[in-house]
Amino acid sequence: MDDFHDVAINSALSCEEFEAMVEQDSGLETNGEMSNTDLLREVNSTSLAVDEEDDIAAVPLSIEQKMEMLNCMRQFIEEKGMESAMPTLRAFEKTIFSEATKTRQTTLDSFFK
């Protein structure tokens, strides 16, 4: 574990969880030793493949999906008593309600078609 004395620990992990994560591969059999250069080359080559997959365009949410999300967020905030999150929820509501009114019918002709 001394090799990792200068590695920053993710704040979401306890020291014990971090040590368990580091030690999880200690019993793994390998066919040789990889140098730091080899390890970095492997990480960099695989991270490029992951980045290419992340470039897939997200499908926009419908107004109905956004409204359902707002309802779930409001329920969660109320269940957890997170009053400090209400201004953020109201900002989301304002944005989504504004978007919803722009996508609604604007003329009588379109209503009767």
PDB file of N, CA and C in Angstrom:
ATOM      1  N   MET A   1       0.825  -1.192   0.000  1.00  0.00           N
ATOM      2  CA  MET A   1       0.000   0.000   0.000  1.00  0.00           C
ATOM      3  C   MET A   1       0.865   1.250   0.000  1.00  0.00           C
ATOM      4  N   ASP A   2       2.144   1.138   0.329  1.00  0.00           N
ATOM      5  CA  ASP A   2       3.026   2.298   0.361  1.00  0.00           C
ATOM      6  C   ASP A   2       3.169   2.954  -1.009  1.00  0.00           C
ATOM      7  N   ASP A   3       2.981   2.181  -2.082  1.00  0.00           N
ATOM      8  CA  ASP A   3       3.097   2.736  -3.432  1.00  0.00           C
ATOM      9  C   ASP A   3       2.010   3.773  -3.709  1.00  0.00           C
ATOM     10  N   PHE A   4       0.955   3.756  -2.939  1.00  0.00           N
ATOM     11  CA  PHE A   4      -0.191   4.621  -3.202  1.00  0.00           C
ATOM     12  C   PHE A   4      -0.314   5.766  -2.207  1.00  0.00           C
ATOM     13  N   HIS A   5       0.747   6.099  -1.509  1.00  0.00           N
ATOM     14  CA  HIS A   5       0.674   7.130  -0.473  1.00  0.00           C
ATOM     15  C   HIS A   5       0.314   8.510  -1.027  1.00  0.00           C
ATOM     16  N   ASP A   6       0.606   8.774  -2.301  1.00  0.00           N
ATOM     17  CA  ASP A   6       0.310  10.089  -2.872  1.00  0.00           C
ATOM     18  C   ASP A   6      -0.912  10.086  -3.789  1.00  0.00           C
ATOM     19  N   VAL A   7      -1.676   8.985  -3.805  1.00  0.00           N
ATOM     20  CA  VAL A   7      -2.870   8.889  -4.635  1.00  0.00           C
ATOM     21  C   VAL A   7      -4.039   9.489  -3.872  1.00  0.00           C
ATOM     22  N   ALA A   8      -4.763  10.394  -4.536  1.00  0.00           N
ATOM     23  CA  ALA A   8      -5.932  11.016  -3.908  1.00  0.00           C
ATOM     24  C   ALA A   8      -7.053   9.993  -3.803  1.00  0.00           C
ATOM     25  N   ILE A   9      -7.676   9.925  -2.653  1.00  0.00           N
ATOM     26  CA  ILE A   9      -8.785   9.001  -2.430  1.00  0.00           C
ATOM     27  C   ILE A   9     -10.083   9.718  -2.763  1.00  0.00           C
ATOM     28  N   ASN A  10     -10.916   9.069  -3.562  1.00  0.00           N
ATOM     29  CA  ASN A  10     -12.228   9.597  -3.894  1.00  0.00           C
ATOM     30  C   ASN A  10     -12.970   9.899  -2.597  1.00  0.00           C
ATOM     31  N   SER A  11     -13.511  11.092  -2.493  1.00  0.00           N
ATOM     32  CA  SER A  11     -14.162  11.503  -1.242  1.00  0.00           C
ATOM     33  C   SER A  11     -15.396  10.666  -0.913  1.00  0.00           C
ATOM     34  N   ALA A  12     -15.934   9.949  -1.906  1.00  0.00           N
ATOM     35  CA  ALA A  12     -17.103   9.108  -1.659  1.00  0.00           C
ATOM     36  C   ALA A  12     -16.710   7.765  -1.045  1.00  0.00           C
ATOM     37  N   LEU A  13     -15.400   7.455  -1.035  1.00  0.00           N
ATOM     38  CA  LEU A  13     -14.922   6.188  -0.492  1.00  0.00           C
ATOM     39  C   LEU A  13     -14.268   6.399   0.864  1.00  0.00           C
ATOM     40  N   SER A  14     -14.468   5.453   1.735  1.00  0.00           N
ATOM     41  CA  SER A  14     -13.716   5.471   2.994  1.00  0.00           C
ATOM     42  C   SER A  14     -12.329   4.905   2.706  1.00  0.00           C
ATOM     43  N   CYS A  15     -11.402   5.075   3.619  1.00  0.00           N
ATOM     44  CA  CYS A  15     -10.047   4.526   3.447  1.00  0.00           C
ATOM     45  C   CYS A  15     -10.107   3.011   3.269  1.00  0.00           C
ATOM     46  N   GLU A  16     -10.957   2.354   4.045  1.00  0.00           N
ATOM     47  CA  GLU A  16     -11.076   0.898   3.961  1.00  0.00           C
ATOM     48  C   GLU A  16     -11.608   0.474   2.599  1.00  0.00           C
ATOM     49  N   GLU A  17     -12.615   1.189   2.082  1.00  0.00           N
ATOM     50  CA  GLU A  17     -13.169   0.864   0.767  1.00  0.00           C
ATOM     51  C   GLU A  17     -12.127   1.075  -0.327  1.00  0.00           C
ATOM     52  N   PHE A  18     -11.348   2.156  -0.202  1.00  0.00           N
ATOM     53  CA  PHE A  18     -10.304   2.427  -1.183  1.00  0.00           C
ATOM     54  C   PHE A  18      -9.252   1.328  -1.172  1.00  0.00           C
ATOM     55  N   GLU A  19      -8.805   0.927   0.026  1.00  0.00           N
ATOM     56  CA  GLU A  19      -7.805  -0.128   0.131  1.00  0.00           C
ATOM     57  C   GLU A  19      -8.338  -1.444  -0.427  1.00  0.00           C
ATOM     58  N   ALA A  20      -9.613  -1.740  -0.178  1.00  0.00           N
ATOM     59  CA  ALA A  20     -10.214  -2.966  -0.720  1.00  0.00           C
ATOM     60  C   ALA A  20     -10.260  -2.902  -2.240  1.00  0.00           C
ATOM     61  N   MET A  21     -10.554  -1.728  -2.792  1.00  0.00           N
ATOM     62  CA  MET A  21     -10.592  -1.569  -4.243  1.00  0.00           C
ATOM     63  C   MET A  21      -9.198  -1.783  -4.837  1.00  0.00           C
ATOM     64  N   VAL A  22      -8.174  -1.222  -4.194  1.00  0.00           N
ATOM     65  CA  VAL A  22      -6.803  -1.358  -4.679  1.00  0.00           C
ATOM     66  C   VAL A  22      -6.358  -2.821  -4.609  1.00  0.00           C
ATOM     67  N   GLU A  23      -6.735  -3.510  -3.548  1.00  0.00           N
ATOM     68  CA  GLU A  23      -6.294  -4.886  -3.329  1.00  0.00           C
ATOM     69  C   GLU A  23      -7.096  -5.923  -4.114  1.00  0.00           C
ATOM     70  N   GLN A  24      -8.179  -5.536  -4.786  1.00  0.00           N
ATOM     71  CA  GLN A  24      -9.048  -6.516  -5.420  1.00  0.00           C
ATOM     72  C   GLN A  24      -8.349  -7.341  -6.493  1.00  0.00           C
ATOM     73  N   ASP A  25      -7.316  -6.799  -7.124  1.00  0.00           N
ATOM     74  CA  ASP A  25      -6.603  -7.528  -8.163  1.00  0.00           C
ATOM     75  C   ASP A  25      -5.305  -8.146  -7.668  1.00  0.00           C
ATOM     76  N   SER A  26      -5.052  -8.126  -6.363  1.00  0.00           N
ATOM     77  CA  SER A  26      -3.772  -8.613  -5.846  1.00  0.00           C
ATOM     78  C   SER A  26      -3.565 -10.103  -6.121  1.00  0.00           C
ATOM     79  N   GLY A  27      -4.627 -10.880  -6.197  1.00  0.00           N
ATOM     80  CA  GLY A  27      -4.501 -12.315  -6.452  1.00  0.00           C
ATOM     81  C   GLY A  27      -4.579 -12.674  -7.929  1.00  0.00           C
ATOM     82  N   LEU A  28      -4.685 -11.690  -8.795  1.00  0.00           N
ATOM     83  CA  LEU A  28      -4.812 -11.917 -10.225  1.00  0.00           C
ATOM     84  C   LEU A  28      -3.499 -12.409 -10.812  1.00  0.00           C
ATOM     85  N   GLU A  29      -3.557 -13.500 -11.560  1.00  0.00           N
ATOM     86  CA  GLU A  29      -2.355 -14.027 -12.194  1.00  0.00           C
ATOM     87  C   GLU A  29      -2.120 -13.306 -13.506  1.00  0.00           C
ATOM     88  N   THR A  30      -0.877 -12.955 -13.759  1.00  0.00           N
ATOM     89  CA  THR A  30      -0.509 -12.294 -15.012  1.00  0.00           C
ATOM     90  C   THR A  30       0.646 -13.046 -15.648  1.00  0.00           C
ATOM     91  N   ASN A  31       0.875 -12.780 -16.922  1.00  0.00           N
ATOM     92  CA  ASN A  31       1.950 -13.439 -17.657  1.00  0.00           C
ATOM     93  C   ASN A  31       3.234 -12.627 -17.631  1.00  0.00           C
ATOM     94  N   GLY A  32       3.275 -11.558 -16.917  1.00  0.00           N
ATOM     95  CA  GLY A  32       4.475 -10.743 -16.857  1.00  0.00           C
ATOM     96  C   GLY A  32       4.191  -9.444 -16.154  1.00  0.00           C
ATOM     97  N   GLU A  33       5.192  -8.620 -16.077  1.00  0.00           N
ATOM     98  CA  GLU A  33       5.050  -7.320 -15.444  1.00  0.00           C
ATOM     99  C   GLU A  33       4.890  -6.251 -16.524  1.00  0.00           C
ATOM    100  N   MET A  34       3.983  -5.321 -16.276  1.00  0.00           N
ATOM    101  CA  MET A  34       3.824  -4.198 -17.199  1.00  0.00           C
ATOM    102  C   MET A  34       4.483  -2.982 -16.569  1.00  0.00           C
ATOM    103  N   SER A  35       5.212  -2.260 -17.387  1.00  0.00           N
ATOM    104  CA  SER A  35       5.826  -1.035 -16.890  1.00  0.00           C
ATOM    105  C   SER A  35       4.761   0.057 -16.823  1.00  0.00           C
ATOM    106  N   ASN A  36       5.078   1.148 -16.165  1.00  0.00           N
ATOM    107  CA  ASN A  36       4.148   2.279 -16.121  1.00  0.00           C
ATOM    108  C   ASN A  36       3.847   2.776 -17.522  1.00  0.00           C
ATOM    109  N   THR A  37       4.851   2.775 -18.399  1.00  0.00           N
ATOM    110  CA  THR A  37       4.656   3.204 -19.785  1.00  0.00           C
ATOM    111  C   THR A  37       3.660   2.285 -20.485  1.00  0.00           C
ATOM    112  N   ASP A  38       3.801   0.972 -20.282  1.00  0.00           N
ATOM    113  CA  ASP A  38       2.866   0.016 -20.886  1.00  0.00           C
ATOM    114  C   ASP A  38       1.455   0.219 -20.352  1.00  0.00           C
ATOM    115  N   LEU A  39       1.355   0.421 -19.044  1.00  0.00           N
ATOM    116  CA  LEU A  39       0.043   0.651 -18.440  1.00  0.00           C
ATOM    117  C   LEU A  39      -0.616   1.917 -18.987  1.00  0.00           C
ATOM    118  N   LEU A  40       0.157   3.002 -19.072  1.00  0.00           N
ATOM    119  CA  LEU A  40      -0.398   4.251 -19.599  1.00  0.00           C
ATOM    120  C   LEU A  40      -0.817   4.104 -21.055  1.00  0.00           C
ATOM    121  N   ARG A  41      -0.010   3.394 -21.840  1.00  0.00           N
ATOM    122  CA  ARG A  41      -0.345   3.173 -23.254  1.00  0.00           C
ATOM    123  C   ARG A  41      -1.663   2.405 -23.350  1.00  0.00           C
ATOM    124  N   GLU A  42      -1.831   1.384 -22.520  1.00  0.00           N
ATOM    125  CA  GLU A  42      -3.058   0.582 -22.527  1.00  0.00           C
ATOM    126  C   GLU A  42      -4.265   1.423 -22.105  1.00  0.00           C
ATOM    127  N   VAL A  43      -4.119   2.200 -21.052  1.00  0.00           N
ATOM    128  CA  VAL A  43      -5.219   3.053 -20.581  1.00  0.00           C
ATOM    129  C   VAL A  43      -5.600   4.073 -21.642  1.00  0.00           C
ATOM    130  N   ASN A  44      -4.612   4.720 -22.235  1.00  0.00           N
ATOM    131  CA  ASN A  44      -4.891   5.736 -23.252  1.00  0.00           C
ATOM    132  C   ASN A  44      -5.537   5.140 -24.492  1.00  0.00           C
ATOM    133  N   SER A  45      -5.141   3.960 -24.892  1.00  0.00           N
ATOM    134  CA  SER A  45      -5.735   3.350 -26.087  1.00  0.00           C
ATOM    135  C   SER A  45      -7.167   2.905 -25.828  1.00  0.00           C
ATOM    136  N   THR A  46      -7.474   2.427 -24.626  1.00  0.00           N
ATOM    137  CA  THR A  46      -8.843   2.005 -24.337  1.00  0.00           C
ATOM    138  C   THR A  46      -9.742   3.187 -24.033  1.00  0.00           C
ATOM    139  N   SER A  47      -9.198   4.269 -23.492  1.00  0.00           N
ATOM    140  CA  SER A  47     -10.048   5.421 -23.185  1.00  0.00           C
ATOM    141  C   SER A  47     -10.531   6.089 -24.465  1.00  0.00           C
ATOM    142  N   LEU A  48      -9.753   5.992 -25.555  1.00  0.00           N
ATOM    143  CA  LEU A  48     -10.203   6.548 -26.829  1.00  0.00           C
ATOM    144  C   LEU A  48     -11.423   5.797 -27.342  1.00  0.00           C
ATOM    145  N   ALA A  49     -11.433   4.494 -27.182  1.00  0.00           N
ATOM    146  CA  ALA A  49     -12.573   3.700 -27.626  1.00  0.00           C
ATOM    147  C   ALA A  49     -13.812   4.062 -26.824  1.00  0.00           C
ATOM    148  N   VAL A  50     -13.666   4.290 -25.543  1.00  0.00           N
ATOM    149  CA  VAL A  50     -14.800   4.665 -24.701  1.00  0.00           C
ATOM    150  C   VAL A  50     -15.325   6.034 -25.119  1.00  0.00           C
ATOM    151  N   ASP A  51     -14.413   6.976 -25.407  1.00  0.00           N
ATOM    152  CA  ASP A  51     -14.833   8.311 -25.816  1.00  0.00           C
ATOM    153  C   ASP A  51     -15.629   8.280 -27.109  1.00  0.00           C
ATOM    154  N   GLU A  52     -15.259   7.406 -28.036  1.00  0.00           N
ATOM    155  CA  GLU A  52     -15.997   7.317 -29.291  1.00  0.00           C
ATOM    156  C   GLU A  52     -17.430   6.865 -29.047  1.00  0.00           C
ATOM    157  N   GLU A  53     -17.632   5.950 -28.094  1.00  0.00           N
ATOM    158  CA  GLU A  53     -18.976   5.488 -27.776  1.00  0.00           C
ATOM    159  C   GLU A  53     -19.790   6.590 -27.121  1.00  0.00           C
ATOM    160  N   ASP A  54     -19.145   7.467 -26.377  1.00  0.00           N
ATOM    161  CA  ASP A  54     -19.849   8.540 -25.685  1.00  0.00           C
ATOM    162  C   ASP A  54     -20.323   9.636 -26.631  1.00  0.00           C
ATOM    163  N   ASP A  55     -19.837   9.641 -27.871  1.00  0.00           N
ATOM    164  CA  ASP A  55     -20.198  10.681 -28.828  1.00  0.00           C
ATOM    165  C   ASP A  55     -21.574  10.457 -29.454  1.00  0.00           C
ATOM    166  N   ILE A  56     -22.274   9.391 -29.075  1.00  0.00           N
ATOM    167  CA  ILE A  56     -23.599   9.126 -29.608  1.00  0.00           C
ATOM    168  C   ILE A  56     -24.538  10.221 -29.119  1.00  0.00           C
ATOM    169  N   ALA A  57     -25.271  10.814 -30.065  1.00  0.00           N
ATOM    170  CA  ALA A  57     -26.167  11.918 -29.712  1.00  0.00           C
ATOM    171  C   ALA A  57     -27.310  11.415 -28.833  1.00  0.00           C
ATOM    172  N   ALA A  58     -27.593  12.156 -27.800  1.00  0.00           N
ATOM    173  CA  ALA A  58     -28.697  11.808 -26.903  1.00  0.00           C
ATOM    174  C   ALA A  58     -30.019  12.151 -27.561  1.00  0.00           C
ATOM    175  N   VAL A  59     -31.005  11.297 -27.368  1.00  0.00           N
ATOM    176  CA  VAL A  59     -32.337  11.556 -27.901  1.00  0.00           C
ATOM    177  C   VAL A  59     -33.005  12.565 -26.981  1.00  0.00           C
ATOM    178  N   PRO A  60     -33.511  13.667 -27.541  1.00  0.00           N
ATOM    179  CA  PRO A  60     -34.156  14.679 -26.682  1.00  0.00           C
ATOM    180  C   PRO A  60     -35.371  14.095 -25.955  1.00  0.00           C
ATOM    181  N   LEU A  61     -35.553  14.536 -24.727  1.00  0.00           N
ATOM    182  CA  LEU A  61     -36.705  14.104 -23.945  1.00  0.00           C
ATOM    183  C   LEU A  61     -37.959  14.816 -24.427  1.00  0.00           C
ATOM    184  N   SER A  62     -39.082  14.123 -24.385  1.00  0.00           N
ATOM    185  CA  SER A  62     -40.355  14.752 -24.727  1.00  0.00           C
ATOM    186  C   SER A  62     -40.799  15.624 -23.554  1.00  0.00           C
ATOM    187  N   ILE A  63     -41.766  16.498 -23.818  1.00  0.00           N
ATOM    188  CA  ILE A  63     -42.326  17.332 -22.744  1.00  0.00           C
ATOM    189  C   ILE A  63     -42.917  16.443 -21.655  1.00  0.00           C
ATOM    190  N   GLU A  64     -43.591  15.366 -22.062  1.00  0.00           N
ATOM    191  CA  GLU A  64     -44.192  14.454 -21.087  1.00  0.00           C
ATOM    192  C   GLU A  64     -43.120  13.833 -20.196  1.00  0.00           C
ATOM    193  N   GLN A  65     -41.987  13.436 -20.780  1.00  0.00           N
ATOM    194  CA  GLN A  65     -40.896  12.856 -19.989  1.00  0.00           C
ATOM    195  C   GLN A  65     -40.315  13.891 -19.028  1.00  0.00           C
ATOM    196  N   LYS A  66     -40.181  15.112 -19.501  1.00  0.00           N
ATOM    197  CA  LYS A  66     -39.643  16.175 -18.645  1.00  0.00           C
ATOM    198  C   LYS A  66     -40.601  16.479 -17.498  1.00  0.00           C
ATOM    199  N   MET A  67     -41.898  16.477 -17.771  1.00  0.00           N
ATOM    200  CA  MET A  67     -42.881  16.734 -16.716  1.00  0.00           C
ATOM    201  C   MET A  67     -42.864  15.603 -15.691  1.00  0.00           C
ATOM    202  N   GLU A  68     -42.728  14.360 -16.148  1.00  0.00           N
ATOM    203  CA  GLU A  68     -42.635  13.228 -15.235  1.00  0.00           C
ATOM    204  C   GLU A  68     -41.384  13.348 -14.372  1.00  0.00           C
ATOM    205  N   MET A  69     -40.277  13.783 -14.977  1.00  0.00           N
ATOM    206  CA  MET A  69     -39.042  13.986 -14.232  1.00  0.00           C
ATOM    207  C   MET A  69     -39.249  15.031 -13.127  1.00  0.00           C
ATOM    208  N   LEU A  70     -39.933  16.124 -13.471  1.00  0.00           N
ATOM    209  CA  LEU A  70     -40.205  17.160 -12.476  1.00  0.00           C
ATOM    210  C   LEU A  70     -41.032  16.605 -11.320  1.00  0.00           C
ATOM    211  N   ASN A  71     -42.050  15.814 -11.651  1.00  0.00           N
ATOM    212  CA  ASN A  71     -42.889  15.218 -10.598  1.00  0.00           C
ATOM    213  C   ASN A  71     -42.065  14.314  -9.686  1.00  0.00           C
ATOM    214  N   CYS A  72     -41.182  13.507 -10.285  1.00  0.00           N
ATOM    215  CA  CYS A  72     -40.327  12.618  -9.480  1.00  0.00           C
ATOM    216  C   CYS A  72     -39.369  13.429  -8.616  1.00  0.00           C
ATOM    217  N   MET A  73     -38.783  14.483  -9.182  1.00  0.00           N
ATOM    218  CA  MET A  73     -37.864  15.328  -8.414  1.00  0.00           C
ATOM    219  C   MET A  73     -38.586  15.987  -7.250  1.00  0.00           C
ATOM    220  N   ARG A  74     -39.780  16.521  -7.510  1.00  0.00           N
ATOM    221  CA  ARG A  74     -40.548  17.184  -6.448  1.00  0.00           C
ATOM    222  C   ARG A  74     -40.874  16.190  -5.332  1.00  0.00           C
ATOM    223  N   GLN A  75     -41.313  14.992  -5.708  1.00  0.00           N
ATOM    224  CA  GLN A  75     -41.647  13.974  -4.706  1.00  0.00           C
ATOM    225  C   GLN A  75     -40.410  13.605  -3.882  1.00  0.00           C
ATOM    226  N   PHE A  76     -39.261  13.420  -4.542  1.00  0.00           N
ATOM    227  CA  PHE A  76     -38.027  13.067  -3.847  1.00  0.00           C
ATOM    228  C   PHE A  76     -37.624  14.177  -2.882  1.00  0.00           C
ATOM    229  N   ILE A  77     -37.684  15.419  -3.343  1.00  0.00           N
ATOM    230  CA  ILE A  77     -37.299  16.564  -2.507  1.00  0.00           C
ATOM    231  C   ILE A  77     -38.198  16.657  -1.280  1.00  0.00           C
ATOM    232  N   GLU A  78     -39.501  16.439  -1.495  1.00  0.00           N
ATOM    233  CA  GLU A  78     -40.442  16.495  -0.367  1.00  0.00           C
ATOM    234  C   GLU A  78     -40.220  15.335   0.593  1.00  0.00           C
ATOM    235  N   GLU A  79     -39.976  14.130   0.053  1.00  0.00           N
ATOM    236  CA  GLU A  79     -39.740  12.965   0.921  1.00  0.00           C
ATOM    237  C   GLU A  79     -38.505  13.148   1.792  1.00  0.00           C
ATOM    238  N   LYS A  80     -37.462  13.752   1.227  1.00  0.00           N
ATOM    239  CA  LYS A  80     -36.196  13.907   1.944  1.00  0.00           C
ATOM    240  C   LYS A  80     -36.128  15.206   2.739  1.00  0.00           C
ATOM    241  N   GLY A  81     -37.141  16.057   2.619  1.00  0.00           N
ATOM    242  CA  GLY A  81     -37.139  17.319   3.346  1.00  0.00           C
ATOM    243  C   GLY A  81     -36.017  18.246   2.895  1.00  0.00           C
ATOM    244  N   MET A  82     -35.756  18.261   1.623  1.00  0.00           N
ATOM    245  CA  MET A  82     -34.636  19.046   1.076  1.00  0.00           C
ATOM    246  C   MET A  82     -35.132  20.412   0.582  1.00  0.00           C
ATOM    247  N   GLU A  83     -35.594  21.239   1.495  1.00  0.00           N
ATOM    248  CA  GLU A  83     -36.127  22.545   1.123  1.00  0.00           C
ATOM    249  C   GLU A  83     -35.109  23.390   0.348  1.00  0.00           C
ATOM    250  N   SER A  84     -33.837  23.180   0.622  1.00  0.00           N
ATOM    251  CA  SER A  84     -32.805  23.972  -0.052  1.00  0.00           C
ATOM    252  C   SER A  84     -32.735  23.670  -1.547  1.00  0.00           C
ATOM    253  N   ALA A  85     -33.321  22.545  -1.983  1.00  0.00           N
ATOM    254  CA  ALA A  85     -33.312  22.185  -3.402  1.00  0.00           C
ATOM    255  C   ALA A  85     -34.497  22.780  -4.158  1.00  0.00           C
ATOM    256  N   MET A  86     -35.457  23.364  -3.452  1.00  0.00           N
ATOM    257  CA  MET A  86     -36.657  23.894  -4.105  1.00  0.00           C
ATOM    258  C   MET A  86     -36.369  24.995  -5.124  1.00  0.00           C
ATOM    259  N   PRO A  87     -35.459  25.940  -4.860  1.00  0.00           N
ATOM    260  CA  PRO A  87     -35.187  26.952  -5.886  1.00  0.00           C
ATOM    261  C   PRO A  87     -34.668  26.341  -7.199  1.00  0.00           C
ATOM    262  N   THR A  88     -33.872  25.292  -7.093  1.00  0.00           N
ATOM    263  CA  THR A  88     -33.375  24.623  -8.295  1.00  0.00           C
ATOM    264  C   THR A  88     -34.518  23.936  -9.022  1.00  0.00           C
ATOM    265  N   LEU A  89     -35.390  23.268  -8.278  1.00  0.00           N
ATOM    266  CA  LEU A  89     -36.551  22.624  -8.886  1.00  0.00           C
ATOM    267  C   LEU A  89     -37.425  23.657  -9.591  1.00  0.00           C
ATOM    268  N   ARG A  90     -37.648  24.808  -8.942  1.00  0.00           N
ATOM    269  CA  ARG A  90     -38.472  25.859  -9.555  1.00  0.00           C
ATOM    270  C   ARG A  90     -37.834  26.389 -10.842  1.00  0.00           C
ATOM    271  N   ALA A  91     -36.510  26.458 -10.881  1.00  0.00           N
ATOM    272  CA  ALA A  91     -35.815  26.893 -12.095  1.00  0.00           C
ATOM    273  C   ALA A  91     -36.033  25.881 -13.219  1.00  0.00           C
ATOM    274  N   PHE A  92     -35.951  24.585 -12.878  1.00  0.00           N
ATOM    275  CA  PHE A  92     -36.240  23.554 -13.873  1.00  0.00           C
ATOM    276  C   PHE A  92     -37.682  23.678 -14.361  1.00  0.00           C
ATOM    277  N   GLU A  93     -38.614  23.858 -13.422  1.00  0.00           N
ATOM    278  CA  GLU A  93     -40.026  23.979 -13.782  1.00  0.00           C
ATOM    279  C   GLU A  93     -40.247  25.157 -14.719  1.00  0.00           C
ATOM    280  N   LYS A  94     -39.657  26.286 -14.404  1.00  0.00           N
ATOM    281  CA  LYS A  94     -39.818  27.482 -15.231  1.00  0.00           C
ATOM    282  C   LYS A  94     -39.334  27.224 -16.655  1.00  0.00           C
ATOM    283  N   THR A  95     -38.180  26.577 -16.774  1.00  0.00           N
ATOM    284  CA  THR A  95     -37.620  26.284 -18.096  1.00  0.00           C
ATOM    285  C   THR A  95     -38.499  25.310 -18.865  1.00  0.00           C
ATOM    286  N   ILE A  96     -38.924  24.249 -18.196  1.00  0.00           N
ATOM    287  CA  ILE A  96     -39.715  23.228 -18.884  1.00  0.00           C
ATOM    288  C   ILE A  96     -41.118  23.730 -19.197  1.00  0.00           C
ATOM    289  N   PHE A  97     -41.746  24.490 -18.283  1.00  0.00           N
ATOM    290  CA  PHE A  97     -43.072  25.046 -18.559  1.00  0.00           C
ATOM    291  C   PHE A  97     -42.998  26.023 -19.724  1.00  0.00           C
ATOM    292  N   SER A  98     -41.934  26.800 -19.787  1.00  0.00           N
ATOM    293  CA  SER A  98     -41.757  27.734 -20.893  1.00  0.00           C
ATOM    294  C   SER A  98     -41.639  26.971 -22.210  1.00  0.00           C
ATOM    295  N   GLU A  99     -40.865  25.903 -22.186  1.00  0.00           N
ATOM    296  CA  GLU A  99     -40.701  25.077 -23.385  1.00  0.00           C
ATOM    297  C   GLU A  99     -42.023  24.419 -23.770  1.00  0.00           C
ATOM    298  N   ALA A 100     -42.787  23.987 -22.787  1.00  0.00           N
ATOM    299  CA  ALA A 100     -44.054  23.313 -23.045  1.00  0.00           C
ATOM    300  C   ALA A 100     -45.049  24.250 -23.701  1.00  0.00           C
ATOM    301  N   THR A 101     -45.090  25.511 -23.283  1.00  0.00           N
ATOM    302  CA  THR A 101     -46.045  26.441 -23.872  1.00  0.00           C
ATOM    303  C   THR A 101     -45.664  26.794 -25.303  1.00  0.00           C
ATOM    304  N   LYS A 102     -44.403  26.723 -25.640  1.00  0.00           N
ATOM    305  CA  LYS A 102     -43.966  27.003 -27.015  1.00  0.00           C
ATOM    306  C   LYS A 102     -44.342  25.881 -27.968  1.00  0.00           C
ATOM    307  N   THR A 103     -44.460  24.650 -27.445  1.00  0.00           N
ATOM    308  CA  THR A 103     -44.735  23.515 -28.320  1.00  0.00           C
ATOM    309  C   THR A 103     -46.218  23.185 -28.397  1.00  0.00           C
ATOM    310  N   ARG A 104     -47.055  23.927 -27.714  1.00  0.00           N
ATOM    311  CA  ARG A 104     -48.496  23.674 -27.730  1.00  0.00           C
ATOM    312  C   ARG A 104     -49.136  24.345 -28.956  1.00  0.00           C
ATOM    313  N   GLN A 105     -50.360  23.979 -29.196  1.00  0.00           N
ATOM    314  CA  GLN A 105     -51.129  24.522 -30.303  1.00  0.00           C
ATOM    315  C   GLN A 105     -51.216  26.042 -30.183  1.00  0.00           C
ATOM    316  N   THR A 106     -51.127  26.722 -31.313  1.00  0.00           N
ATOM    317  CA  THR A 106     -51.184  28.179 -31.274  1.00  0.00           C
ATOM    318  C   THR A 106     -52.354  28.761 -32.054  1.00  0.00           C
ATOM    319  N   THR A 107     -53.020  27.950 -32.865  1.00  0.00           N
ATOM    320  CA  THR A 107     -54.168  28.467 -33.619  1.00  0.00           C
ATOM    321  C   THR A 107     -55.349  27.510 -33.516  1.00  0.00           C
ATOM    322  N   LEU A 108     -56.549  28.017 -33.750  1.00  0.00           N
ATOM    323  CA  LEU A 108     -57.742  27.177 -33.756  1.00  0.00           C
ATOM    324  C   LEU A 108     -57.713  26.198 -34.909  1.00  0.00           C
ATOM    325  N   ASP A 109     -57.165  26.625 -36.050  1.00  0.00           N
ATOM    326  CA  ASP A 109     -57.094  25.735 -37.210  1.00  0.00           C
ATOM    327  C   ASP A 109     -56.314  24.459 -36.894  1.00  0.00           C
ATOM    328  N   SER A 110     -55.186  24.601 -36.204  1.00  0.00           N
ATOM    329  CA  SER A 110     -54.378  23.420 -35.888  1.00  0.00           C
ATOM    330  C   SER A 110     -55.079  22.531 -34.847  1.00  0.00           C
ATOM    331  N   PHE A 111     -55.940  23.130 -34.021  1.00  0.00           N
ATOM    332  CA  PHE A 111     -56.647  22.344 -33.014  1.00  0.00           C
ATOM    333  C   PHE A 111     -57.667  21.415 -33.660  1.00  0.00           C
ATOM    334  N   PHE A 112     -58.347  21.876 -34.709  1.00  0.00           N
ATOM    335  CA  PHE A 112     -59.405  21.091 -35.326  1.00  0.00           C
ATOM    336  C   PHE A 112     -58.917  20.181 -36.448  1.00  0.00           C
ATOM    337  N   LYS A 113     -57.646  20.109 -36.695  1.00  0.00           N
ATOM    338  CA  LYS A 113     -57.121  19.217 -37.745  1.00  0.00           C
ATOM    339  C   LYS A 113     -56.909  17.841 -37.214  1.00  0.00           C
TER     340      LYS A 113
END
